[in-house]
PDB file of N, CA and C in Angstrom:
ATOM      1  N   UNK A   1      -2.858 -31.079-143.696  1.00  0.00           N
ATOM      2  CA  UNK A   1      -2.598 -31.569-142.368  1.00  0.00           C
ATOM      3  C   UNK A   1      -2.949 -30.463-141.377  1.00  0.00           C
ATOM      4  N   UNK A   2      -3.725 -30.762-140.338  1.00  0.00           N
ATOM      5  CA  UNK A   2      -4.123 -29.716-139.389  1.00  0.00           C
ATOM      6  C   UNK A   2      -2.932 -29.273-138.540  1.00  0.00           C
ATOM      7  N   UNK A   3      -2.976 -28.036-138.055  1.00  0.00           N
ATOM      8  CA  UNK A   3      -1.873 -27.560-137.222  1.00  0.00           C
ATOM      9  C   UNK A   3      -1.840 -28.283-135.881  1.00  0.00           C
ATOM     10  N   UNK A   4      -0.664 -28.306-135.288  1.00  0.00           N
ATOM     11  CA  UNK A   4      -0.494 -28.955-133.994  1.00  0.00           C
ATOM     12  C   UNK A   4      -1.229 -28.150-132.928  1.00  0.00           C
ATOM     13  N   UNK A   5      -1.913 -28.815-131.997  1.00  0.00           N
ATOM     14  CA  UNK A   5      -2.617 -28.072-130.952  1.00  0.00           C
ATOM     15  C   UNK A   5      -1.609 -27.425-130.001  1.00  0.00           C
ATOM     16  N   UNK A   6      -1.950 -26.219-129.555  1.00  0.00           N
ATOM     17  CA  UNK A   6      -1.065 -25.539-128.615  1.00  0.00           C
ATOM     18  C   UNK A   6      -1.346 -26.043-127.211  1.00  0.00           C
ATOM     19  N   UNK A   7      -0.295 -26.155-126.438  1.00  0.00           N
ATOM     20  CA  UNK A   7      -0.425 -26.638-125.075  1.00  0.00           C
ATOM     21  C   UNK A   7      -0.762 -25.473-124.157  1.00  0.00           C
ATOM     22  N   UNK A   8      -1.695 -25.666-123.232  1.00  0.00           N
ATOM     23  CA  UNK A   8      -2.065 -24.590-122.320  1.00  0.00           C
ATOM     24  C   UNK A   8      -1.089 -24.498-121.158  1.00  0.00           C
ATOM     25  N   UNK A   9      -0.323 -25.544-120.901  1.00  0.00           N
ATOM     26  CA  UNK A   9       0.666 -25.509-119.833  1.00  0.00           C
ATOM     27  C   UNK A   9       2.044 -25.754-120.407  1.00  0.00           C
ATOM     28  N   UNK A  10       3.052 -25.362-119.686  1.00  0.00           N
ATOM     29  CA  UNK A  10       4.411 -25.634-120.105  1.00  0.00           C
ATOM     30  C   UNK A  10       4.970 -24.620-121.070  1.00  0.00           C
ATOM     31  N   UNK A  11       4.342 -23.459-121.230  1.00  0.00           N
ATOM     32  CA  UNK A  11       4.895 -22.427-122.086  1.00  0.00           C
ATOM     33  C   UNK A  11       4.927 -22.787-123.555  1.00  0.00           C
ATOM     34  N   UNK A  12       3.987 -23.584-124.039  1.00  0.00           N
ATOM     35  CA  UNK A  12       3.928 -23.923-125.446  1.00  0.00           C
ATOM     36  C   UNK A  12       4.765 -25.131-125.824  1.00  0.00           C
ATOM     37  N   UNK A  13       5.357 -25.810-124.856  1.00  0.00           N
ATOM     38  CA  UNK A  13       6.152 -26.991-125.172  1.00  0.00           C
ATOM     39  C   UNK A  13       5.239 -28.172-125.455  1.00  0.00           C
ATOM     40  N   UNK A  14       5.706 -29.048-126.334  1.00  0.00           N
ATOM     41  CA  UNK A  14       4.942 -30.253-126.652  1.00  0.00           C
ATOM     42  C   UNK A  14       5.067 -31.245-125.504  1.00  0.00           C
ATOM     43  N   UNK A  15       4.017 -31.979-125.247  1.00  0.00           N
ATOM     44  CA  UNK A  15       4.040 -33.007-124.223  1.00  0.00           C
ATOM     45  C   UNK A  15       3.690 -34.329-124.864  1.00  0.00           C
ATOM     46  N   UNK A  16       4.308 -35.393-124.372  1.00  0.00           N
ATOM     47  CA  UNK A  16       4.035 -36.723-124.885  1.00  0.00           C
ATOM     48  C   UNK A  16       2.753 -37.281-124.301  1.00  0.00           C
ATOM     49  N   UNK A  17       2.395 -38.486-124.706  1.00  0.00           N
ATOM     50  CA  UNK A  17       1.185 -39.105-124.175  1.00  0.00           C
ATOM     51  C   UNK A  17       1.335 -39.423-122.693  1.00  0.00           C
ATOM     52  N   UNK A  18       0.218 -39.364-121.996  1.00  0.00           N
ATOM     53  CA  UNK A  18       0.243 -39.657-120.568  1.00  0.00           C
ATOM     54  C   UNK A  18       0.362 -41.160-120.338  1.00  0.00           C
ATOM     55  N   UNK A  19       0.540 -41.523-119.074  1.00  0.00           N
ATOM     56  CA  UNK A  19       0.655 -42.941-118.728  1.00  0.00           C
ATOM     57  C   UNK A  19      -0.636 -43.681-119.056  1.00  0.00           C
ATOM     58  N   UNK A  20      -1.772 -43.039-118.818  1.00  0.00           N
ATOM     59  CA  UNK A  20      -3.052 -43.676-119.131  1.00  0.00           C
ATOM     60  C   UNK A  20      -3.207 -43.878-120.638  1.00  0.00           C
ATOM     61  N   UNK A  21      -2.745 -42.898-121.425  1.00  0.00           N
ATOM     62  CA  UNK A  21      -2.806 -43.050-122.880  1.00  0.00           C
ATOM     63  C   UNK A  21      -1.932 -44.219-123.344  1.00  0.00           C
ATOM     64  N   UNK A  22      -0.750 -44.353-122.740  1.00  0.00           N
ATOM     65  CA  UNK A  22       0.123 -45.467-123.100  1.00  0.00           C
ATOM     66  C   UNK A  22      -0.479 -46.800-122.658  1.00  0.00           C
ATOM     67  N   UNK A  23      -1.171 -46.799-121.519  1.00  0.00           N
ATOM     68  CA  UNK A  23      -1.840 -48.026-121.053  1.00  0.00           C
ATOM     69  C   UNK A  23      -2.933 -48.435-122.039  1.00  0.00           C
ATOM     70  N   UNK A  24      -3.736 -47.443-122.481  1.00  0.00           N
ATOM     71  CA  UNK A  24      -4.789 -47.735-123.459  1.00  0.00           C
ATOM     72  C   UNK A  24      -4.201 -48.244-124.771  1.00  0.00           C
ATOM     73  N   UNK A  25      -3.117 -47.612-125.210  1.00  0.00           N
ATOM     74  CA  UNK A  25      -2.505 -48.022-126.466  1.00  0.00           C
ATOM     75  C   UNK A  25      -1.956 -49.446-126.362  1.00  0.00           C
ATOM     76  N   UNK A  26      -1.330 -49.782-125.226  1.00  0.00           N
ATOM     77  CA  UNK A  26      -0.835 -51.144-125.036  1.00  0.00           C
ATOM     78  C   UNK A  26      -1.959 -52.157-124.984  1.00  0.00           C
ATOM     79  N   UNK A  27      -3.066 -51.800-124.328  1.00  0.00           N
ATOM     80  CA  UNK A  27      -4.205 -52.716-124.248  1.00  0.00           C
ATOM     81  C   UNK A  27      -4.845 -52.929-125.616  1.00  0.00           C
ATOM     82  N   UNK A  28      -4.973 -51.873-126.393  1.00  0.00           N
ATOM     83  CA  UNK A  28      -5.580 -52.021-127.718  1.00  0.00           C
ATOM     84  C   UNK A  28      -4.680 -52.805-128.665  1.00  0.00           C
ATOM     85  N   UNK A  29      -3.392 -52.523-128.607  1.00  0.00           N
ATOM     86  CA  UNK A  29      -2.466 -53.255-129.463  1.00  0.00           C
ATOM     87  C   UNK A  29      -2.416 -54.725-129.067  1.00  0.00           C
ATOM     88  N   UNK A  30      -2.307 -54.991-127.768  1.00  0.00           N
ATOM     89  CA  UNK A  30      -2.290 -56.373-127.306  1.00  0.00           C
ATOM     90  C   UNK A  30      -3.591 -57.096-127.580  1.00  0.00           C
ATOM     91  N   UNK A  31      -4.708 -56.398-127.429  1.00  0.00           N
ATOM     92  CA  UNK A  31      -5.993 -57.021-127.712  1.00  0.00           C
ATOM     93  C   UNK A  31      -6.163 -57.391-129.168  1.00  0.00           C
ATOM     94  N   UNK A  32      -5.723 -56.494-130.052  1.00  0.00           N
ATOM     95  CA  UNK A  32      -5.864 -56.803-131.481  1.00  0.00           C
ATOM     96  C   UNK A  32      -4.932 -57.940-131.901  1.00  0.00           C
ATOM     97  N   UNK A  33      -3.707 -57.941-131.391  1.00  0.00           N
ATOM     98  CA  UNK A  33      -2.798 -59.053-131.703  1.00  0.00           C
ATOM     99  C   UNK A  33      -3.336 -60.355-131.117  1.00  0.00           C
ATOM    100  N   UNK A  34      -3.884 -60.280-129.901  1.00  0.00           N
ATOM    101  CA  UNK A  34      -4.463 -61.467-129.277  1.00  0.00           C
ATOM    102  C   UNK A  34      -5.667 -61.999-130.040  1.00  0.00           C
ATOM    103  N   UNK A  35      -6.494 -61.106-130.564  1.00  0.00           N
ATOM    104  CA  UNK A  35      -7.640 -61.548-131.364  1.00  0.00           C
ATOM    105  C   UNK A  35      -7.183 -62.287-132.622  1.00  0.00           C
ATOM    106  N   UNK A  36      -6.176 -61.758-133.266  1.00  0.00           N
ATOM    107  CA  UNK A  36      -5.669 -62.406-134.476  1.00  0.00           C
ATOM    108  C   UNK A  36      -5.065 -63.767-134.145  1.00  0.00           C
ATOM    109  N   UNK A  37      -4.283 -63.820-133.068  1.00  0.00           N
ATOM    110  CA  UNK A  37      -3.681 -65.101-132.674  1.00  0.00           C
ATOM    111  C   UNK A  37      -4.756 -66.101-132.245  1.00  0.00           C
ATOM    112  N   UNK A  38      -5.797 -65.612-131.566  1.00  0.00           N
ATOM    113  CA  UNK A  38      -6.903 -66.487-131.195  1.00  0.00           C
ATOM    114  C   UNK A  38      -7.652 -67.009-132.400  1.00  0.00           C
ATOM    115  N   UNK A  39      -7.798 -66.168-133.420  1.00  0.00           N
ATOM    116  CA  UNK A  39      -8.446 -66.609-134.651  1.00  0.00           C
ATOM    117  C   UNK A  39      -7.636 -67.713-135.329  1.00  0.00           C
ATOM    118  N   UNK A  40      -6.324 -67.517-135.412  1.00  0.00           N
ATOM    119  CA  UNK A  40      -5.467 -68.518-136.062  1.00  0.00           C
ATOM    120  C   UNK A  40      -5.446 -69.808-135.256  1.00  0.00           C
ATOM    121  N   UNK A  41      -5.190 -69.685-133.958  1.00  0.00           N
ATOM    122  CA  UNK A  41      -5.097 -70.867-133.110  1.00  0.00           C
ATOM    123  C   UNK A  41      -6.445 -71.574-132.983  1.00  0.00           C
ATOM    124  N   UNK A  42      -7.519 -70.798-132.786  1.00  0.00           N
ATOM    125  CA  UNK A  42      -8.848 -71.389-132.668  1.00  0.00           C
ATOM    126  C   UNK A  42      -9.308 -72.041-133.957  1.00  0.00           C
ATOM    127  N   UNK A  43      -9.058 -71.385-135.082  1.00  0.00           N
ATOM    128  CA  UNK A  43      -9.427 -71.975-136.376  1.00  0.00           C
ATOM    129  C   UNK A  43      -8.693 -73.276-136.633  1.00  0.00           C
ATOM    130  N   UNK A  44      -7.405 -73.293-136.278  1.00  0.00           N
ATOM    131  CA  UNK A  44      -6.627 -74.517-136.450  1.00  0.00           C
ATOM    132  C   UNK A  44      -7.166 -75.644-135.560  1.00  0.00           C
ATOM    133  N   UNK A  45      -7.493 -75.310-134.317  1.00  0.00           N
ATOM    134  CA  UNK A  45      -8.024 -76.341-133.410  1.00  0.00           C
ATOM    135  C   UNK A  45      -9.407 -76.811-133.824  1.00  0.00           C
ATOM    136  N   UNK A  46     -10.238 -75.937-134.357  1.00  0.00           N
ATOM    137  CA  UNK A  46     -11.564 -76.353-134.826  1.00  0.00           C
ATOM    138  C   UNK A  46     -11.420 -77.288-136.023  1.00  0.00           C
ATOM    139  N   UNK A  47     -10.512 -76.951-136.923  1.00  0.00           N
ATOM    140  CA  UNK A  47     -10.293 -77.833-138.079  1.00  0.00           C
ATOM    141  C   UNK A  47      -9.724 -79.173-137.642  1.00  0.00           C
ATOM    142  N   UNK A  48      -8.818 -79.147-136.685  1.00  0.00           N
ATOM    143  CA  UNK A  48      -8.137 -80.379-136.274  1.00  0.00           C
ATOM    144  C   UNK A  48      -9.004 -81.267-135.379  1.00  0.00           C
ATOM    145  N   UNK A  49      -9.656 -80.671-134.367  1.00  0.00           N
ATOM    146  CA  UNK A  49     -10.389 -81.471-133.381  1.00  0.00           C
ATOM    147  C   UNK A  49     -11.907 -81.358-133.477  1.00  0.00           C
ATOM    148  N   UNK A  50     -12.405 -80.439-134.257  1.00  0.00           N
ATOM    149  CA  UNK A  50     -13.853 -80.256-134.345  1.00  0.00           C
ATOM    150  C   UNK A  50     -14.303 -79.157-133.400  1.00  0.00           C
ATOM    151  N   UNK A  51     -15.518 -78.680-133.625  1.00  0.00           N
ATOM    152  CA  UNK A  51     -16.033 -77.537-132.857  1.00  0.00           C
ATOM    153  C   UNK A  51     -16.534 -77.922-131.483  1.00  0.00           C
ATOM    154  N   UNK A  52     -16.961 -79.135-131.297  1.00  0.00           N
ATOM    155  CA  UNK A  52     -17.516 -79.530-130.016  1.00  0.00           C
ATOM    156  C   UNK A  52     -18.983 -79.169-129.913  1.00  0.00           C
ATOM    157  N   UNK A  53     -19.554 -79.213-128.709  1.00  0.00           N
ATOM    158  CA  UNK A  53     -20.992 -78.986-128.549  1.00  0.00           C
ATOM    159  C   UNK A  53     -21.414 -77.527-128.732  1.00  0.00           C
ATOM    160  N   UNK A  54     -20.483 -76.578-128.653  1.00  0.00           N
ATOM    161  CA  UNK A  54     -20.849 -75.158-128.766  1.00  0.00           C
ATOM    162  C   UNK A  54     -20.983 -74.687-130.203  1.00  0.00           C
ATOM    163  N   UNK A  55     -20.483 -75.414-131.142  1.00  0.00           N
ATOM    164  CA  UNK A  55     -20.517 -74.986-132.538  1.00  0.00           C
ATOM    165  C   UNK A  55     -19.243 -74.222-132.894  1.00  0.00           C
ATOM    166  N   UNK A  56     -19.010 -74.070-134.180  1.00  0.00           N
ATOM    167  CA  UNK A  56     -17.735 -73.475-134.587  1.00  0.00           C
ATOM    168  C   UNK A  56     -17.610 -71.980-134.264  1.00  0.00           C
ATOM    169  N   UNK A  57     -18.685 -71.206-134.407  1.00  0.00           N
ATOM    170  CA  UNK A  57     -18.570 -69.767-134.185  1.00  0.00           C
ATOM    171  C   UNK A  57     -18.363 -69.427-132.717  1.00  0.00           C
ATOM    172  N   UNK A  58     -19.089 -70.099-131.857  1.00  0.00           N
ATOM    173  CA  UNK A  58     -18.936 -69.822-130.420  1.00  0.00           C
ATOM    174  C   UNK A  58     -17.576 -70.290-129.921  1.00  0.00           C
ATOM    175  N   UNK A  59     -17.118 -71.429-130.407  1.00  0.00           N
ATOM    176  CA  UNK A  59     -15.804 -71.926-130.007  1.00  0.00           C
ATOM    177  C   UNK A  59     -14.708 -70.984-130.499  1.00  0.00           C
ATOM    178  N   UNK A  60     -14.809 -70.529-131.741  1.00  0.00           N
ATOM    179  CA  UNK A  60     -13.825 -69.598-132.276  1.00  0.00           C
ATOM    180  C   UNK A  60     -13.861 -68.277-131.508  1.00  0.00           C
ATOM    181  N   UNK A  61     -15.045 -67.807-131.168  1.00  0.00           N
ATOM    182  CA  UNK A  61     -15.175 -66.580-130.388  1.00  0.00           C
ATOM    183  C   UNK A  61     -14.556 -66.702-129.010  1.00  0.00           C
ATOM    184  N   UNK A  62     -14.718 -67.866-128.382  1.00  0.00           N
ATOM    185  CA  UNK A  62     -14.101 -68.069-127.071  1.00  0.00           C
ATOM    186  C   UNK A  62     -12.584 -68.043-127.163  1.00  0.00           C
ATOM    187  N   UNK A  63     -12.034 -68.680-128.187  1.00  0.00           N
ATOM    188  CA  UNK A  63     -10.584 -68.633-128.386  1.00  0.00           C
ATOM    189  C   UNK A  63     -10.109 -67.196-128.598  1.00  0.00           C
ATOM    190  N   UNK A  64     -10.834 -66.466-129.450  1.00  0.00           N
ATOM    191  CA  UNK A  64     -10.409 -65.103-129.787  1.00  0.00           C
ATOM    192  C   UNK A  64     -10.520 -64.170-128.588  1.00  0.00           C
ATOM    193  N   UNK A  65     -11.626 -64.231-127.862  1.00  0.00           N
ATOM    194  CA  UNK A  65     -11.794 -63.344-126.712  1.00  0.00           C
ATOM    195  C   UNK A  65     -10.825 -63.678-125.586  1.00  0.00           C
ATOM    196  N   UNK A  66     -10.623 -64.959-125.338  1.00  0.00           N
ATOM    197  CA  UNK A  66      -9.682 -65.355-124.290  1.00  0.00           C
ATOM    198  C   UNK A  66      -8.259 -64.921-124.608  1.00  0.00           C
ATOM    199  N   UNK A  67      -7.847 -65.140-125.833  1.00  0.00           N
ATOM    200  CA  UNK A  67      -6.503 -64.766-126.244  1.00  0.00           C
ATOM    201  C   UNK A  67      -6.345 -63.246-126.283  1.00  0.00           C
ATOM    202  N   UNK A  68      -7.348 -62.539-126.793  1.00  0.00           N
ATOM    203  CA  UNK A  68      -7.281 -61.080-126.859  1.00  0.00           C
ATOM    204  C   UNK A  68      -7.238 -60.434-125.488  1.00  0.00           C
ATOM    205  N   UNK A  69      -8.064 -60.920-124.569  1.00  0.00           N
ATOM    206  CA  UNK A  69      -8.087 -60.353-123.221  1.00  0.00           C
ATOM    207  C   UNK A  69      -6.773 -60.626-122.492  1.00  0.00           C
ATOM    208  N   UNK A  70      -6.266 -61.826-122.617  1.00  0.00           N
ATOM    209  CA  UNK A  70      -5.017 -62.166-121.925  1.00  0.00           C
ATOM    210  C   UNK A  70      -3.849 -61.363-122.468  1.00  0.00           C
ATOM    211  N   UNK A  71      -3.693 -61.357-123.773  1.00  0.00           N
ATOM    212  CA  UNK A  71      -2.555 -60.654-124.360  1.00  0.00           C
ATOM    213  C   UNK A  71      -2.700 -59.148-124.180  1.00  0.00           C
ATOM    214  N   UNK A  72      -3.905 -58.623-124.274  1.00  0.00           N
ATOM    215  CA  UNK A  72      -4.109 -57.196-124.044  1.00  0.00           C
ATOM    216  C   UNK A  72      -3.789 -56.786-122.619  1.00  0.00           C
ATOM    217  N   UNK A  73      -4.143 -57.631-121.655  1.00  0.00           N
ATOM    218  CA  UNK A  73      -3.833 -57.345-120.251  1.00  0.00           C
ATOM    219  C   UNK A  73      -2.332 -57.272-120.036  1.00  0.00           C
ATOM    220  N   UNK A  74      -1.619 -58.279-120.520  1.00  0.00           N
ATOM    221  CA  UNK A  74      -0.174 -58.297-120.299  1.00  0.00           C
ATOM    222  C   UNK A  74       0.542 -57.201-121.088  1.00  0.00           C
ATOM    223  N   UNK A  75       0.040 -56.866-122.251  1.00  0.00           N
ATOM    224  CA  UNK A  75       0.665 -55.798-123.032  1.00  0.00           C
ATOM    225  C   UNK A  75       0.444 -54.443-122.372  1.00  0.00           C
ATOM    226  N   UNK A  76      -0.719 -54.228-121.783  1.00  0.00           N
ATOM    227  CA  UNK A  76      -0.960 -52.966-121.090  1.00  0.00           C
ATOM    228  C   UNK A  76      -0.086 -52.852-119.851  1.00  0.00           C
ATOM    229  N   UNK A  77       0.085 -53.947-119.116  1.00  0.00           N
ATOM    230  CA  UNK A  77       0.967 -53.937-117.949  1.00  0.00           C
ATOM    231  C   UNK A  77       2.405 -53.647-118.390  1.00  0.00           C
ATOM    232  N   UNK A  78       2.829 -54.264-119.481  1.00  0.00           N
ATOM    233  CA  UNK A  78       4.183 -54.036-119.977  1.00  0.00           C
ATOM    234  C   UNK A  78       4.411 -52.605-120.414  1.00  0.00           C
ATOM    235  N   UNK A  79       3.411 -51.981-121.017  1.00  0.00           N
ATOM    236  CA  UNK A  79       3.584 -50.592-121.440  1.00  0.00           C
ATOM    237  C   UNK A  79       3.647 -49.658-120.238  1.00  0.00           C
ATOM    238  N   UNK A  80       2.944 -49.971-119.168  1.00  0.00           N
ATOM    239  CA  UNK A  80       3.019 -49.157-117.941  1.00  0.00           C
ATOM    240  C   UNK A  80       4.398 -49.318-117.309  1.00  0.00           C
ATOM    241  N   UNK A  81       4.893 -50.547-117.238  1.00  0.00           N
ATOM    242  CA  UNK A  81       6.214 -50.769-116.647  1.00  0.00           C
ATOM    243  C   UNK A  81       7.279 -50.053-117.450  1.00  0.00           C
ATOM    244  N   UNK A  82       7.180 -50.088-118.748  1.00  0.00           N
ATOM    245  CA  UNK A  82       8.165 -49.431-119.591  1.00  0.00           C
ATOM    246  C   UNK A  82       8.079 -47.916-119.436  1.00  0.00           C
ATOM    247  N   UNK A  83       6.894 -47.375-119.232  1.00  0.00           N
ATOM    248  CA  UNK A  83       6.725 -45.939-119.063  1.00  0.00           C
ATOM    249  C   UNK A  83       7.275 -45.476-117.722  1.00  0.00           C
ATOM    250  N   UNK A  84       7.089 -46.258-116.671  1.00  0.00           N
ATOM    251  CA  UNK A  84       7.501 -45.844-115.340  1.00  0.00           C
ATOM    252  C   UNK A  84       9.010 -45.760-115.189  1.00  0.00           C
ATOM    253  N   UNK A  85       9.751 -46.481-116.000  1.00  0.00           N
ATOM    254  CA  UNK A  85      11.195 -46.504-115.846  1.00  0.00           C
ATOM    255  C   UNK A  85      11.915 -45.366-116.534  1.00  0.00           C
ATOM    256  N   UNK A  86      11.208 -44.448-117.157  1.00  0.00           N
ATOM    257  CA  UNK A  86      11.889 -43.393-117.902  1.00  0.00           C
ATOM    258  C   UNK A  86      12.137 -42.191-116.991  1.00  0.00           C
ATOM    259  N   UNK A  87      13.350 -42.097-116.488  1.00  0.00           N
ATOM    260  CA  UNK A  87      13.739 -40.958-115.678  1.00  0.00           C
ATOM    261  C   UNK A  87      14.825 -40.184-116.416  1.00  0.00           C
ATOM    262  N   UNK A  88      15.032 -38.935-116.068  1.00  0.00           N
ATOM    263  CA  UNK A  88      16.088 -38.171-116.741  1.00  0.00           C
ATOM    264  C   UNK A  88      17.472 -38.786-116.547  1.00  0.00           C
ATOM    265  N   UNK A  89      17.717 -39.390-115.394  1.00  0.00           N
ATOM    266  CA  UNK A  89      19.019 -40.017-115.171  1.00  0.00           C
ATOM    267  C   UNK A  89      19.237 -41.200-116.099  1.00  0.00           C
ATOM    268  N   UNK A  90      18.194 -41.995-116.298  1.00  0.00           N
ATOM    269  CA  UNK A  90      18.316 -43.147-117.190  1.00  0.00           C
ATOM    270  C   UNK A  90      18.465 -42.693-118.642  1.00  0.00           C
ATOM    271  N   UNK A  91      17.768 -41.652-119.035  1.00  0.00           N
ATOM    272  CA  UNK A  91      17.892 -41.132-120.394  1.00  0.00           C
ATOM    273  C   UNK A  91      19.298 -40.586-120.628  1.00  0.00           C
ATOM    274  N   UNK A  92      19.867 -39.926-119.619  1.00  0.00           N
ATOM    275  CA  UNK A  92      21.220 -39.407-119.740  1.00  0.00           C
ATOM    276  C   UNK A  92      22.242 -40.540-119.823  1.00  0.00           C
ATOM    277  N   UNK A  93      22.056 -41.581-119.002  1.00  0.00           N
ATOM    278  CA  UNK A  93      22.972 -42.724-119.051  1.00  0.00           C
ATOM    279  C   UNK A  93      22.885 -43.440-120.390  1.00  0.00           C
ATOM    280  N   UNK A  94      21.689 -43.554-120.938  1.00  0.00           N
ATOM    281  CA  UNK A  94      21.530 -44.178-122.250  1.00  0.00           C
ATOM    282  C   UNK A  94      22.200 -43.341-123.334  1.00  0.00           C
ATOM    283  N   UNK A  95      22.039 -42.032-123.263  1.00  0.00           N
ATOM    284  CA  UNK A  95      22.661 -41.157-124.263  1.00  0.00           C
ATOM    285  C   UNK A  95      24.184 -41.233-124.175  1.00  0.00           C
ATOM    286  N   UNK A  96      24.722 -41.293-122.949  1.00  0.00           N
ATOM    287  CA  UNK A  96      26.174 -41.416-122.812  1.00  0.00           C
ATOM    288  C   UNK A  96      26.673 -42.747-123.335  1.00  0.00           C
ATOM    289  N   UNK A  97      25.908 -43.797-123.156  1.00  0.00           N
ATOM    290  CA  UNK A  97      26.330 -45.112-123.637  1.00  0.00           C
ATOM    291  C   UNK A  97      26.256 -45.213-125.155  1.00  0.00           C
ATOM    292  N   UNK A  98      25.375 -44.457-125.780  1.00  0.00           N
ATOM    293  CA  UNK A  98      25.185 -44.548-127.226  1.00  0.00           C
ATOM    294  C   UNK A  98      25.999 -43.529-128.024  1.00  0.00           C
ATOM    295  N   UNK A  99      26.746 -42.638-127.356  1.00  0.00           N
ATOM    296  CA  UNK A  99      27.487 -41.633-128.111  1.00  0.00           C
ATOM    297  C   UNK A  99      28.704 -42.251-128.794  1.00  0.00           C
ATOM    298  N   UNK A 100      29.251 -41.510-129.736  1.00  0.00           N
ATOM    299  CA  UNK A 100      30.412 -41.979-130.481  1.00  0.00           C
ATOM    300  C   UNK A 100      31.628 -42.023-129.566  1.00  0.00           C
ATOM    301  N   UNK A 101      32.496 -43.005-129.749  1.00  0.00           N
ATOM    302  CA  UNK A 101      33.686 -43.064-128.901  1.00  0.00           C
ATOM    303  C   UNK A 101      34.630 -41.912-129.214  1.00  0.00           C
ATOM    304  N   UNK A 102      35.316 -41.461-128.190  1.00  0.00           N
ATOM    305  CA  UNK A 102      36.251 -40.373-128.356  1.00  0.00           C
ATOM    306  C   UNK A 102      37.594 -40.967-128.800  1.00  0.00           C
ATOM    307  N   UNK A 103      38.142 -40.466-129.875  1.00  0.00           N
ATOM    308  CA  UNK A 103      39.398 -40.972-130.405  1.00  0.00           C
ATOM    309  C   UNK A 103      40.528 -40.130-129.827  1.00  0.00           C
ATOM    310  N   UNK A 104      41.420 -40.778-129.114  1.00  0.00           N
ATOM    311  CA  UNK A 104      42.563 -40.099-128.531  1.00  0.00           C
ATOM    312  C   UNK A 104      43.796 -40.373-129.376  1.00  0.00           C
ATOM    313  N   UNK A 105      44.751 -39.434-129.416  1.00  0.00           N
ATOM    314  CA  UNK A 105      45.970 -39.707-130.179  1.00  0.00           C
ATOM    315  C   UNK A 105      46.795 -40.801-129.508  1.00  0.00           C
ATOM    316  N   UNK A 106      47.440 -41.592-130.322  1.00  0.00           N
ATOM    317  CA  UNK A 106      48.238 -42.693-129.803  1.00  0.00           C
ATOM    318  C   UNK A 106      49.551 -42.145-129.255  1.00  0.00           C
ATOM    319  N   UNK A 107      49.932 -42.631-128.114  1.00  0.00           N
ATOM    320  CA  UNK A 107      51.203 -42.216-127.519  1.00  0.00           C
ATOM    321  C   UNK A 107      52.273 -43.202-127.950  1.00  0.00           C
ATOM    322  N   UNK A 108      53.295 -42.677-128.536  1.00  0.00           N
ATOM    323  CA  UNK A 108      54.388 -43.533-128.996  1.00  0.00           C
ATOM    324  C   UNK A 108      55.344 -43.795-127.838  1.00  0.00           C
ATOM    325  N   UNK A 109      55.606 -45.050-127.571  1.00  0.00           N
ATOM    326  CA  UNK A 109      56.548 -45.393-126.506  1.00  0.00           C
ATOM    327  C   UNK A 109      57.892 -45.818-127.075  1.00  0.00           C
ATOM    328  N   UNK A 110      57.947 -46.116-128.334  1.00  0.00           N
ATOM    329  CA  UNK A 110      59.187 -46.554-128.956  1.00  0.00           C
ATOM    330  C   UNK A 110      59.945 -45.349-129.458  1.00  0.00           C
ATOM    331  N   UNK A 111      61.178 -45.192-128.999  1.00  0.00           N
ATOM    332  CA  UNK A 111      62.016 -44.077-129.420  1.00  0.00           C
ATOM    333  C   UNK A 111      63.338 -44.636-129.923  1.00  0.00           C
ATOM    334  N   UNK A 112      63.640 -44.429-131.193  1.00  0.00           N
ATOM    335  CA  UNK A 112      64.876 -44.991-131.719  1.00  0.00           C
ATOM    336  C   UNK A 112      66.137 -44.407-131.069  1.00  0.00           C
ATOM    337  N   UNK A 113      66.092 -43.162-130.551  1.00  0.00           N
ATOM    338  CA  UNK A 113      67.285 -42.584-129.936  1.00  0.00           C
ATOM    339  C   UNK A 113      67.727 -43.365-128.712  1.00  0.00           C
ATOM    340  N   UNK A 114      66.759 -43.826-127.916  1.00  0.00           N
ATOM    341  CA  UNK A 114      67.083 -44.561-126.703  1.00  0.00           C
ATOM    342  C   UNK A 114      67.714 -45.908-127.028  1.00  0.00           C
ATOM    343  N   UNK A 115      67.266 -46.545-128.096  1.00  0.00           N
ATOM    344  CA  UNK A 115      67.818 -47.845-128.469  1.00  0.00           C
ATOM    345  C   UNK A 115      69.262 -47.670-128.962  1.00  0.00           C
ATOM    346  N   UNK A 116      69.544 -46.610-129.730  1.00  0.00           N
ATOM    347  CA  UNK A 116      70.895 -46.392-130.230  1.00  0.00           C
ATOM    348  C   UNK A 116      71.861 -46.065-129.099  1.00  0.00           C
ATOM    349  N   UNK A 117      71.387 -45.384-128.049  1.00  0.00           N
ATOM    350  CA  UNK A 117      72.245 -45.059-126.912  1.00  0.00           C
ATOM    351  C   UNK A 117      72.645 -46.311-126.139  1.00  0.00           C
ATOM    352  N   UNK A 118      71.727 -47.286-126.038  1.00  0.00           N
ATOM    353  CA  UNK A 118      71.995 -48.504-125.288  1.00  0.00           C
ATOM    354  C   UNK A 118      73.016 -49.401-125.996  1.00  0.00           C
ATOM    355  N   UNK A 119      73.090 -49.376-127.300  1.00  0.00           N
ATOM    356  CA  UNK A 119      74.005 -50.240-128.058  1.00  0.00           C
ATOM    357  C   UNK A 119      75.364 -49.715-128.084  1.00  0.00           C
TER     358      UNK A 119
END
């Protein structure tokens, strides 16, 4: 396994992917999922209704490209929105919400001496 590249900025600290890298990753992931869904949906429609005047390959390609482009677009937008919301305050609030509950000792309110005095 090759060594990790050293960062030229930040004193050697590791940095995560940039917003553009996350946008590309969302677009590629969405595009590939969209292509697969277009293949399944288009193949099913070609079998069920026929290819039409364009032929089976062109019709299947139109389904795949349309589905891939649409899903890739929305997935890239979603990855940008998810990236923009990460602030240190939100990360701190999430960490506080996910920590283990603090167990406090139970305070006893029942005292047998007080009951014996009343009787």
